[in-house]
N, C-alpha and C. Protein backbone atom coordinates (compact mmCIF):
# COMPACT_ATOMS: atom_id res chain seq x y z
N MET A 1 72.58 -88.82 90.05
CA MET A 1 72.09 -89.02 88.72
C MET A 1 71.41 -90.38 88.68
N GLU A 2 70.35 -90.45 87.90
CA GLU A 2 69.57 -91.68 87.81
C GLU A 2 70.04 -92.50 86.62
N ILE A 3 70.22 -93.78 86.85
CA ILE A 3 70.60 -94.72 85.80
C ILE A 3 69.55 -95.82 85.74
N THR A 4 69.07 -96.11 84.55
CA THR A 4 68.10 -97.17 84.35
C THR A 4 68.75 -98.23 83.47
N ILE A 5 68.67 -99.48 83.93
CA ILE A 5 69.28 -100.59 83.20
C ILE A 5 68.18 -101.56 82.78
N GLY A 6 68.15 -101.84 81.50
CA GLY A 6 67.24 -102.85 80.98
C GLY A 6 68.00 -104.16 80.86
N VAL A 7 67.44 -105.21 81.45
CA VAL A 7 68.08 -106.52 81.42
C VAL A 7 67.29 -107.41 80.47
N ARG A 8 67.99 -108.11 79.61
CA ARG A 8 67.35 -108.97 78.61
C ARG A 8 66.46 -110.01 79.29
N ASP A 9 65.32 -110.26 78.68
CA ASP A 9 64.36 -111.28 79.11
C ASP A 9 63.74 -111.03 80.48
N ILE A 10 63.87 -109.80 81.00
CA ILE A 10 63.24 -109.45 82.27
C ILE A 10 62.42 -108.18 82.02
N PRO A 11 61.12 -108.22 82.31
CA PRO A 11 60.28 -107.07 81.98
C PRO A 11 60.52 -105.82 82.83
N ARG A 12 61.05 -105.97 84.02
CA ARG A 12 61.30 -104.81 84.88
C ARG A 12 62.68 -104.23 84.64
N GLU A 13 62.77 -102.93 84.83
CA GLU A 13 64.04 -102.22 84.72
C GLU A 13 64.67 -102.10 86.10
N LEU A 14 65.98 -101.92 86.13
CA LEU A 14 66.69 -101.58 87.36
C LEU A 14 66.94 -100.08 87.33
N THR A 15 66.59 -99.38 88.39
CA THR A 15 66.83 -97.94 88.46
C THR A 15 67.68 -97.65 89.68
N LEU A 16 68.77 -96.94 89.47
CA LEU A 16 69.71 -96.61 90.53
C LEU A 16 69.97 -95.12 90.57
N GLU A 17 70.17 -94.59 91.77
CA GLU A 17 70.63 -93.21 91.95
C GLU A 17 72.12 -93.32 92.29
N VAL A 18 72.96 -92.87 91.41
CA VAL A 18 74.40 -92.95 91.64
C VAL A 18 75.02 -91.57 91.62
N GLY A 19 76.09 -91.43 92.38
CA GLY A 19 76.85 -90.20 92.33
C GLY A 19 77.93 -90.35 91.27
N GLY A 20 78.55 -89.29 90.91
CA GLY A 20 79.63 -89.38 89.95
C GLY A 20 79.32 -88.69 88.65
N ASP A 21 80.19 -88.94 87.72
CA ASP A 21 80.18 -88.26 86.43
C ASP A 21 79.57 -89.15 85.36
N ALA A 22 78.70 -88.60 84.53
CA ALA A 22 78.07 -89.37 83.45
C ALA A 22 79.11 -89.92 82.49
N LYS A 23 80.15 -89.15 82.22
CA LYS A 23 81.19 -89.62 81.30
C LYS A 23 81.89 -90.86 81.85
N GLN A 24 82.08 -90.92 83.17
CA GLN A 24 82.71 -92.09 83.78
C GLN A 24 81.80 -93.31 83.68
N ILE A 25 80.50 -93.11 83.89
CA ILE A 25 79.55 -94.22 83.77
C ILE A 25 79.54 -94.75 82.34
N VAL A 26 79.53 -93.86 81.36
CA VAL A 26 79.57 -94.28 79.95
C VAL A 26 80.85 -95.06 79.68
N ALA A 27 81.97 -94.58 80.21
CA ALA A 27 83.25 -95.27 80.00
C ALA A 27 83.23 -96.67 80.63
N ASP A 28 82.63 -96.78 81.83
CA ASP A 28 82.54 -98.09 82.49
C ASP A 28 81.67 -99.06 81.71
N VAL A 29 80.52 -98.58 81.24
CA VAL A 29 79.61 -99.44 80.46
C VAL A 29 80.28 -99.86 79.15
N THR A 30 80.93 -98.94 78.49
CA THR A 30 81.62 -99.24 77.23
C THR A 30 82.72 -100.26 77.43
N ALA A 31 83.49 -100.12 78.51
CA ALA A 31 84.58 -101.06 78.79
C ALA A 31 84.04 -102.47 79.04
N VAL A 32 82.95 -102.56 79.78
CA VAL A 32 82.36 -103.87 80.07
C VAL A 32 81.81 -104.51 78.80
N LEU A 33 81.15 -103.72 77.96
CA LEU A 33 80.62 -104.27 76.70
C LEU A 33 81.75 -104.68 75.76
N LYS A 34 82.84 -103.94 75.78
CA LYS A 34 83.99 -104.30 74.94
C LYS A 34 84.59 -105.64 75.39
N LYS A 35 84.71 -105.82 76.71
CA LYS A 35 85.22 -107.09 77.24
C LYS A 35 84.32 -108.25 76.80
N ALA A 36 83.01 -108.03 76.89
CA ALA A 36 82.07 -109.08 76.51
C ALA A 36 82.18 -109.39 75.02
N ALA A 37 82.37 -108.36 74.19
CA ALA A 37 82.50 -108.55 72.75
C ALA A 37 83.78 -109.30 72.39
N GLU A 38 84.79 -109.16 73.24
CA GLU A 38 86.07 -109.86 73.01
C GLU A 38 86.05 -111.29 73.53
N GLY A 39 84.90 -111.72 74.07
CA GLY A 39 84.77 -113.10 74.49
C GLY A 39 84.90 -113.34 75.98
N ASP A 40 85.00 -112.29 76.78
CA ASP A 40 85.08 -112.44 78.23
C ASP A 40 83.68 -112.66 78.77
N GLY A 41 83.33 -113.92 78.99
CA GLY A 41 82.00 -114.27 79.48
C GLY A 41 81.75 -113.85 80.91
N ALA A 42 82.80 -113.48 81.63
CA ALA A 42 82.66 -113.07 83.03
C ALA A 42 82.58 -111.56 83.20
N ALA A 43 82.48 -110.80 82.12
CA ALA A 43 82.43 -109.34 82.21
C ALA A 43 81.14 -108.91 82.91
N MET A 44 81.29 -108.06 83.91
CA MET A 44 80.15 -107.61 84.71
C MET A 44 80.14 -106.10 84.83
N LEU A 45 78.95 -105.50 84.78
CA LEU A 45 78.77 -104.09 85.07
C LEU A 45 78.51 -103.99 86.56
N ASP A 46 79.37 -103.30 87.28
CA ASP A 46 79.31 -103.21 88.73
C ASP A 46 79.11 -101.74 89.12
N LEU A 47 77.92 -101.42 89.66
CA LEU A 47 77.60 -100.05 90.05
C LEU A 47 77.21 -100.01 91.52
N THR A 48 77.56 -98.93 92.19
CA THR A 48 77.20 -98.71 93.59
C THR A 48 76.33 -97.46 93.66
N ASP A 49 75.16 -97.59 94.28
CA ASP A 49 74.26 -96.44 94.38
C ASP A 49 74.65 -95.53 95.53
N GLU A 50 73.90 -94.44 95.71
CA GLU A 50 74.22 -93.44 96.71
C GLU A 50 74.06 -93.95 98.14
N LYS A 51 73.33 -95.05 98.32
CA LYS A 51 73.15 -95.63 99.65
C LYS A 51 74.19 -96.71 99.95
N GLY A 52 75.05 -96.99 98.99
CA GLY A 52 76.09 -97.99 99.18
C GLY A 52 75.72 -99.38 98.71
N ASN A 53 74.55 -99.54 98.11
CA ASN A 53 74.13 -100.85 97.58
C ASN A 53 74.81 -101.11 96.24
N ARG A 54 75.31 -102.32 96.08
CA ARG A 54 75.97 -102.70 94.82
C ARG A 54 75.02 -103.48 93.94
N THR A 55 75.05 -103.15 92.65
CA THR A 55 74.28 -103.88 91.64
C THR A 55 75.27 -104.38 90.60
N ILE A 56 75.25 -105.68 90.37
CA ILE A 56 76.16 -106.30 89.41
C ILE A 56 75.32 -107.01 88.36
N VAL A 57 75.53 -106.63 87.10
CA VAL A 57 74.77 -107.21 85.99
C VAL A 57 75.75 -107.79 84.98
N PRO A 58 75.57 -109.05 84.58
CA PRO A 58 76.45 -109.60 83.54
C PRO A 58 76.32 -108.81 82.26
N ALA A 59 77.43 -108.53 81.61
CA ALA A 59 77.43 -107.73 80.38
C ALA A 59 76.58 -108.38 79.29
N THR A 60 76.55 -109.69 79.26
CA THR A 60 75.79 -110.39 78.23
C THR A 60 74.28 -110.24 78.43
N ALA A 61 73.85 -109.80 79.64
CA ALA A 61 72.43 -109.65 79.93
C ALA A 61 71.95 -108.22 79.74
N LEU A 62 72.86 -107.29 79.45
CA LEU A 62 72.47 -105.89 79.30
C LEU A 62 71.65 -105.69 78.03
N GLY A 63 70.49 -105.08 78.20
CA GLY A 63 69.68 -104.69 77.05
C GLY A 63 69.97 -103.25 76.68
N TYR A 64 69.99 -102.39 77.68
CA TYR A 64 70.32 -100.97 77.49
C TYR A 64 70.68 -100.35 78.83
N VAL A 65 71.34 -99.22 78.79
CA VAL A 65 71.65 -98.43 79.97
C VAL A 65 71.28 -96.99 79.64
N GLN A 66 70.35 -96.44 80.41
CA GLN A 66 69.91 -95.06 80.21
C GLN A 66 70.47 -94.23 81.36
N ILE A 67 71.21 -93.17 81.00
CA ILE A 67 71.84 -92.31 81.99
C ILE A 67 71.10 -90.98 82.02
N GLY A 68 70.57 -90.62 83.19
CA GLY A 68 69.81 -89.39 83.34
C GLY A 68 70.72 -88.17 83.40
N ALA A 69 70.09 -87.02 83.44
CA ALA A 69 70.83 -85.76 83.52
C ALA A 69 71.56 -85.65 84.85
N GLU A 70 72.61 -84.86 84.86
CA GLU A 70 73.42 -84.70 86.06
C GLU A 70 72.92 -83.59 86.97
N GLU A 71 71.70 -83.12 86.76
CA GLU A 71 71.14 -82.06 87.60
C GLU A 71 70.74 -82.64 88.95
N PRO A 72 70.99 -81.88 90.01
CA PRO A 72 70.48 -82.34 91.32
C PRO A 72 68.97 -82.24 91.35
N ARG A 73 68.35 -83.07 92.15
CA ARG A 73 66.90 -83.04 92.25
C ARG A 73 66.46 -81.76 92.93
N ARG A 74 65.39 -81.19 92.42
CA ARG A 74 64.85 -79.96 92.99
C ARG A 74 63.93 -80.30 94.14
N ILE A 75 64.00 -79.50 95.17
CA ILE A 75 63.16 -79.71 96.34
C ILE A 75 62.28 -78.48 96.51
N GLY A 76 61.00 -78.71 96.80
CA GLY A 76 60.10 -77.59 97.02
C GLY A 76 59.19 -77.34 95.84
N PHE A 77 58.45 -76.24 95.94
CA PHE A 77 57.46 -75.94 94.93
C PHE A 77 57.83 -74.76 94.06
N GLY A 78 58.94 -74.12 94.35
CA GLY A 78 59.36 -72.94 93.59
C GLY A 78 59.81 -73.28 92.19
N VAL A 79 59.68 -72.33 91.31
CA VAL A 79 60.14 -72.49 89.94
C VAL A 79 61.47 -71.78 89.80
N ALA A 80 62.44 -72.47 89.27
CA ALA A 80 63.78 -71.89 89.15
C ALA A 80 63.97 -71.16 87.87
């Protein structure tokens, strides 16, 4: 599933292909934002993509998180 993260004051987005469940990603993002709202300045969103690369974004820098559909990518030219 594709996740796009908008970081405050940076014009480019971060786009990651991650495995897993969309509900779990939403829960992780919500938990990090809740920690930041409670005053935890060290709260970080930590995601690992399908290639094993880790992306860590401070919660205070998050502009938005867009979670794509959980459909696998289609390969080929056929219409399903």
